[in-house]
Amino acid sequence: MIERALLMMIVLRIFSGSVDITAALLMYKFNDLEKAFYINTLLALVGPCVLIITTAFALIGLAEKISLTRMICLFAGISLILISLKAD
């Protein structure tokens, strides 16, 4: 039997991949650099959200198995990734 947290992560990643493929197909359909840039910008918003949510599911599933120090390190790492996305 598959763990619920793992199943949620799998479903979310399949959804994320489907969004990426749909975006690529839309870029191809529109055949316009400006529209492709806009679509790509929207994808840049989806990626970090998926990262945060899937990590949250993993931490919920692993809450009993990993230490508080490791959880803090994981959250710090995710925070640094998000900060680096906003840095110029």
C-alpha atoms as a PDB file:
ATOM      1  CA  MET A   1       0.000   0.000   0.000  1.00  0.00           C
ATOM      2  CA  ILE A   2       1.311   3.454  -0.926  1.00  0.00           C
ATOM      3  CA  GLU A   3       1.591   6.167   1.709  1.00  0.00           C
ATOM      4  CA  ARG A   4      -0.853   9.043   1.384  1.00  0.00           C
ATOM      5  CA  ALA A   5       1.865  11.727   1.441  1.00  0.00           C
ATOM      6  CA  LEU A   6       3.753   9.939  -1.339  1.00  0.00           C
ATOM      7  CA  LEU A   7       0.595   9.600  -3.409  1.00  0.00           C
ATOM      8  CA  MET A   8      -0.124  13.315  -3.037  1.00  0.00           C
ATOM      9  CA  MET A   9       3.432  14.155  -4.123  1.00  0.00           C
ATOM     10  CA  ILE A  10       3.096  11.915  -7.180  1.00  0.00           C
ATOM     11  CA  VAL A  11      -0.237  13.431  -8.186  1.00  0.00           C
ATOM     12  CA  LEU A  12       1.083  16.958  -7.742  1.00  0.00           C
ATOM     13  CA  ARG A  13       4.182  16.233  -9.841  1.00  0.00           C
ATOM     14  CA  ILE A  14       2.041  14.660 -12.592  1.00  0.00           C
ATOM     15  CA  PHE A  15      -0.132  17.785 -12.522  1.00  0.00           C
ATOM     16  CA  SER A  16       2.951  20.007 -12.669  1.00  0.00           C
ATOM     17  CA  GLY A  17       4.363  18.057 -15.602  1.00  0.00           C
ATOM     18  CA  SER A  18       1.024  18.291 -17.396  1.00  0.00           C
ATOM     19  CA  VAL A  19       1.023  22.051 -16.918  1.00  0.00           C
ATOM     20  CA  ASP A  20       4.551  22.243 -18.384  1.00  0.00           C
ATOM     21  CA  ILE A  21       3.619  20.143 -21.403  1.00  0.00           C
ATOM     22  CA  THR A  22       0.450  22.175 -21.959  1.00  0.00           C
ATOM     23  CA  ALA A  23       2.482  25.375 -21.785  1.00  0.00           C
ATOM     24  CA  ALA A  24       4.945  24.037 -24.357  1.00  0.00           C
ATOM     25  CA  LEU A  25       2.087  23.097 -26.670  1.00  0.00           C
ATOM     26  CA  LEU A  26       0.552  26.556 -26.272  1.00  0.00           C
ATOM     27  CA  MET A  27       3.899  28.158 -27.104  1.00  0.00           C
ATOM     28  CA  TYR A  28       4.080  26.017 -30.231  1.00  0.00           C
ATOM     29  CA  LYS A  29       0.474  26.811 -31.184  1.00  0.00           C
ATOM     30  CA  PHE A  30       0.827  30.581 -30.786  1.00  0.00           C
ATOM     31  CA  ASN A  31       4.248  30.639 -32.490  1.00  0.00           C
ATOM     32  CA  ASP A  32       4.925  34.066 -30.989  1.00  0.00           C
ATOM     33  CA  LEU A  33       7.951  34.935 -28.858  1.00  0.00           C
ATOM     34  CA  GLU A  34       6.061  37.506 -26.779  1.00  0.00           C
ATOM     35  CA  LYS A  35       3.248  35.077 -25.919  1.00  0.00           C
ATOM     36  CA  ALA A  36       5.764  32.315 -25.215  1.00  0.00           C
ATOM     37  CA  PHE A  37       7.581  34.654 -22.834  1.00  0.00           C
ATOM     38  CA  TYR A  38       4.303  35.396 -21.032  1.00  0.00           C
ATOM     39  CA  ILE A  39       3.469  31.678 -20.742  1.00  0.00           C
ATOM     40  CA  ASN A  40       6.965  30.962 -19.438  1.00  0.00           C
ATOM     41  CA  THR A  41       6.558  33.703 -16.828  1.00  0.00           C
ATOM     42  CA  LEU A  42       3.377  32.055 -15.584  1.00  0.00           C
ATOM     43  CA  LEU A  43       5.266  28.769 -15.298  1.00  0.00           C
ATOM     44  CA  ALA A  44       7.847  30.498 -13.125  1.00  0.00           C
ATOM     45  CA  LEU A  45       5.048  31.128 -10.625  1.00  0.00           C
ATOM     46  CA  VAL A  46       3.814  27.539 -10.674  1.00  0.00           C
ATOM     47  CA  GLY A  47       7.232  25.916 -10.091  1.00  0.00           C
ATOM     48  CA  PRO A  48       7.988  27.318  -6.624  1.00  0.00           C
ATOM     49  CA  CYS A  49       4.432  26.641  -5.477  1.00  0.00           C
ATOM     50  CA  VAL A  50       4.713  22.995  -6.508  1.00  0.00           C
ATOM     51  CA  LEU A  51       8.113  22.763  -4.788  1.00  0.00           C
ATOM     52  CA  ILE A  52       6.730  24.122  -1.519  1.00  0.00           C
ATOM     53  CA  ILE A  53       3.602  21.967  -1.551  1.00  0.00           C
ATOM     54  CA  THR A  54       5.397  18.720  -2.439  1.00  0.00           C
ATOM     55  CA  THR A  55       8.023  19.390   0.219  1.00  0.00           C
ATOM     56  CA  ALA A  56       5.274  20.063   2.747  1.00  0.00           C
ATOM     57  CA  PHE A  57       3.642  16.729   1.910  1.00  0.00           C
ATOM     58  CA  ALA A  58       6.997  14.978   2.311  1.00  0.00           C
ATOM     59  CA  LEU A  59       7.651  16.631   5.668  1.00  0.00           C
ATOM     60  CA  ILE A  60       4.185  15.744   6.908  1.00  0.00           C
ATOM     61  CA  GLY A  61       4.794  12.139   5.895  1.00  0.00           C
ATOM     62  CA  LEU A  62       8.249  12.093   7.473  1.00  0.00           C
ATOM     63  CA  ALA A  63       7.413  14.125  10.579  1.00  0.00           C
ATOM     64  CA  GLU A  64       7.798  11.145  12.886  1.00  0.00           C
ATOM     65  CA  LYS A  65      10.955   9.873  11.193  1.00  0.00           C
ATOM     66  CA  ILE A  66      13.229  12.937  10.945  1.00  0.00           C
ATOM     67  CA  SER A  67      14.585  15.283  13.569  1.00  0.00           C
ATOM     68  CA  LEU A  68      13.575  18.870  14.123  1.00  0.00           C
ATOM     69  CA  THR A  69      17.059  20.014  13.076  1.00  0.00           C
ATOM     70  CA  ARG A  70      16.698  18.331   9.683  1.00  0.00           C
ATOM     71  CA  MET A  71      13.265  19.917   9.182  1.00  0.00           C
ATOM     72  CA  ILE A  72      14.689  23.344   9.953  1.00  0.00           C
ATOM     73  CA  CYS A  73      17.532  22.759   7.477  1.00  0.00           C
ATOM     74  CA  LEU A  74      15.047  21.713   4.797  1.00  0.00           C
ATOM     75  CA  PHE A  75      12.921  24.813   5.334  1.00  0.00           C
ATOM     76  CA  ALA A  76      16.037  26.983   5.291  1.00  0.00           C
ATOM     77  CA  GLY A  77      17.115  25.402   2.004  1.00  0.00           C
ATOM     78  CA  ILE A  78      13.723  25.978   0.416  1.00  0.00           C
ATOM     79  CA  SER A  79      13.735  29.559   1.674  1.00  0.00           C
ATOM     80  CA  LEU A  80      17.141  30.146   0.091  1.00  0.00           C
ATOM     81  CA  ILE A  81      15.897  28.744  -3.220  1.00  0.00           C
ATOM     82  CA  LEU A  82      12.903  31.094  -3.169  1.00  0.00           C
ATOM     83  CA  ILE A  83      15.076  34.074  -2.191  1.00  0.00           C
ATOM     84  CA  SER A  84      17.481  33.296  -5.026  1.00  0.00           C
ATOM     85  CA  LEU A  85      14.574  33.335  -7.488  1.00  0.00           C
ATOM     86  CA  LYS A  86      13.776  36.906  -6.474  1.00  0.00           C
ATOM     87  CA  ALA A  87      17.404  38.106  -6.401  1.00  0.00           C
ATOM     88  CA  ASP A  88      18.610  40.216  -9.301  1.00  0.00           C
END
